[in-house]
Amino acid sequence: MGCIAVVLGMFFPRLVLAVAWAIGICNATFWGVIGWIFIPYTTLAATVASTNGLGQDWTIVVIVAGMIVDFGFLAYSSET
């Protein structure tokens, strides 16, 4: 089941965040909603990092990886 969530998260991050919010995995605060709209991969990475109990170093690595993916999509969309 975890692998399916990862694959869906790669293609549909907003759907996975909505399901995670619906079943109570993540708490949707103001910043969660803003992240859901503007930077879904970073928000998904932060949710994964906070729920898996990763160490502080790995949490930063996971969130930075989400930011790189988000900014990569933003850069690609501005070129076309």
C-alpha atoms as a PDB file:
ATOM      1  CA  MET A   1       0.000   0.000   0.000  1.00  0.00           C
ATOM      2  CA  GLY A   2       2.878   2.356   0.716  1.00  0.00           C
ATOM      3  CA  CYS A   3       4.298   1.956  -2.790  1.00  0.00           C
ATOM      4  CA  ILE A   4       0.961   2.904  -4.323  1.00  0.00           C
ATOM      5  CA  ALA A   5       0.871   6.082  -2.234  1.00  0.00           C
ATOM      6  CA  VAL A   6       4.393   6.987  -3.371  1.00  0.00           C
ATOM      7  CA  VAL A   7       3.550   6.488  -7.047  1.00  0.00           C
ATOM      8  CA  LEU A   8       0.320   8.452  -6.704  1.00  0.00           C
ATOM      9  CA  GLY A   9       2.210  11.159  -4.820  1.00  0.00           C
ATOM     10  CA  MET A  10       4.636  11.556  -7.700  1.00  0.00           C
ATOM     11  CA  PHE A  11       1.865  12.119 -10.237  1.00  0.00           C
ATOM     12  CA  PHE A  12      -0.986  13.516  -8.106  1.00  0.00           C
ATOM     13  CA  PRO A  13       0.479  15.174  -4.989  1.00  0.00           C
ATOM     14  CA  ARG A  14      -2.643  17.209  -4.245  1.00  0.00           C
ATOM     15  CA  LEU A  15      -4.809  14.087  -4.300  1.00  0.00           C
ATOM     16  CA  VAL A  16      -2.492  12.310  -1.856  1.00  0.00           C
ATOM     17  CA  LEU A  17      -2.445  15.370   0.428  1.00  0.00           C
ATOM     18  CA  ALA A  18      -6.252  15.537   0.365  1.00  0.00           C
ATOM     19  CA  VAL A  19      -6.521  11.852   1.267  1.00  0.00           C
ATOM     20  CA  ALA A  20      -3.891  12.243   4.009  1.00  0.00           C
ATOM     21  CA  TRP A  21      -5.873  15.166   5.433  1.00  0.00           C
ATOM     22  CA  ALA A  22      -9.154  13.219   5.208  1.00  0.00           C
ATOM     23  CA  ILE A  23      -7.827  10.234   7.151  1.00  0.00           C
ATOM     24  CA  GLY A  24      -6.063  12.431   9.697  1.00  0.00           C
ATOM     25  CA  ILE A  25      -2.400  11.985   8.813  1.00  0.00           C
ATOM     26  CA  CYS A  26      -1.699  15.678   8.349  1.00  0.00           C
ATOM     27  CA  ASN A  27      -3.317  18.693   9.957  1.00  0.00           C
ATOM     28  CA  ALA A  28      -4.371  21.291   7.406  1.00  0.00           C
ATOM     29  CA  THR A  29      -3.505  24.674   8.812  1.00  0.00           C
ATOM     30  CA  PHE A  30      -3.192  27.914   6.896  1.00  0.00           C
ATOM     31  CA  TRP A  31       0.309  27.009   5.688  1.00  0.00           C
ATOM     32  CA  GLY A  32      -0.859  23.540   4.716  1.00  0.00           C
ATOM     33  CA  VAL A  33      -3.533  24.987   2.467  1.00  0.00           C
ATOM     34  CA  ILE A  34      -1.110  27.502   0.957  1.00  0.00           C
ATOM     35  CA  GLY A  35       1.364  24.680   0.389  1.00  0.00           C
ATOM     36  CA  TRP A  36      -1.345  22.527  -1.160  1.00  0.00           C
ATOM     37  CA  ILE A  37      -2.105  25.287  -3.677  1.00  0.00           C
ATOM     38  CA  PHE A  38       1.385  26.558  -4.546  1.00  0.00           C
ATOM     39  CA  ILE A  39       4.032  23.956  -3.576  1.00  0.00           C
ATOM     40  CA  PRO A  40       2.386  20.531  -3.315  1.00  0.00           C
ATOM     41  CA  TYR A  41       5.562  18.423  -3.524  1.00  0.00           C
ATOM     42  CA  THR A  42       7.248  20.335  -0.698  1.00  0.00           C
ATOM     43  CA  THR A  43       4.117  20.050   1.439  1.00  0.00           C
ATOM     44  CA  LEU A  44       3.892  16.326   0.712  1.00  0.00           C
ATOM     45  CA  ALA A  45       7.585  15.908   1.573  1.00  0.00           C
ATOM     46  CA  ALA A  46       7.108  17.777   4.851  1.00  0.00           C
ATOM     47  CA  THR A  47       4.124  15.569   5.697  1.00  0.00           C
ATOM     48  CA  VAL A  48       6.105  12.413   4.976  1.00  0.00           C
ATOM     49  CA  ALA A  49       9.087  13.648   6.967  1.00  0.00           C
ATOM     50  CA  SER A  50       7.001  14.628   9.981  1.00  0.00           C
ATOM     51  CA  THR A  51       4.970  11.418  10.146  1.00  0.00           C
ATOM     52  CA  ASN A  52       7.832   8.952   9.625  1.00  0.00           C
ATOM     53  CA  GLY A  53       9.943  10.172  12.534  1.00  0.00           C
ATOM     54  CA  LEU A  54      13.025  10.793  10.427  1.00  0.00           C
ATOM     55  CA  GLY A  55      16.006  12.407  12.063  1.00  0.00           C
ATOM     56  CA  GLN A  56      16.479  16.129  11.635  1.00  0.00           C
ATOM     57  CA  ASP A  57      19.094  15.693   8.897  1.00  0.00           C
ATOM     58  CA  TRP A  58      16.887  13.434   6.778  1.00  0.00           C
ATOM     59  CA  THR A  59      13.896  15.695   7.323  1.00  0.00           C
ATOM     60  CA  ILE A  60      15.825  18.589   5.831  1.00  0.00           C
ATOM     61  CA  VAL A  61      16.995  16.429   2.903  1.00  0.00           C
ATOM     62  CA  VAL A  62      13.435  15.268   2.132  1.00  0.00           C
ATOM     63  CA  ILE A  63      12.008  18.797   2.288  1.00  0.00           C
ATOM     64  CA  VAL A  64      14.804  20.230   0.118  1.00  0.00           C
ATOM     65  CA  ALA A  65      14.178  17.452  -2.429  1.00  0.00           C
ATOM     66  CA  GLY A  66      10.495  18.436  -2.513  1.00  0.00           C
ATOM     67  CA  MET A  67      11.460  22.076  -3.012  1.00  0.00           C
ATOM     68  CA  ILE A  68      13.759  21.172  -5.909  1.00  0.00           C
ATOM     69  CA  VAL A  69      10.946  19.254  -7.616  1.00  0.00           C
ATOM     70  CA  ASP A  70       8.462  22.106  -7.075  1.00  0.00           C
ATOM     71  CA  PHE A  71      10.833  24.756  -8.370  1.00  0.00           C
ATOM     72  CA  GLY A  72      11.761  22.528 -11.293  1.00  0.00           C
ATOM     73  CA  PHE A  73       8.115  22.340 -12.323  1.00  0.00           C
ATOM     74  CA  LEU A  74       7.758  26.101 -11.900  1.00  0.00           C
ATOM     75  CA  ALA A  75      10.832  26.749 -14.066  1.00  0.00           C
ATOM     76  CA  TYR A  76       9.625  24.314 -16.718  1.00  0.00           C
ATOM     77  CA  SER A  77       6.160  25.854 -16.833  1.00  0.00           C
ATOM     78  CA  SER A  78       7.575  29.352 -17.230  1.00  0.00           C
ATOM     79  CA  GLU A  79       9.630  28.269 -20.264  1.00  0.00           C
ATOM     80  CA  THR A  80       6.677  26.940 -22.214  1.00  0.00           C
END
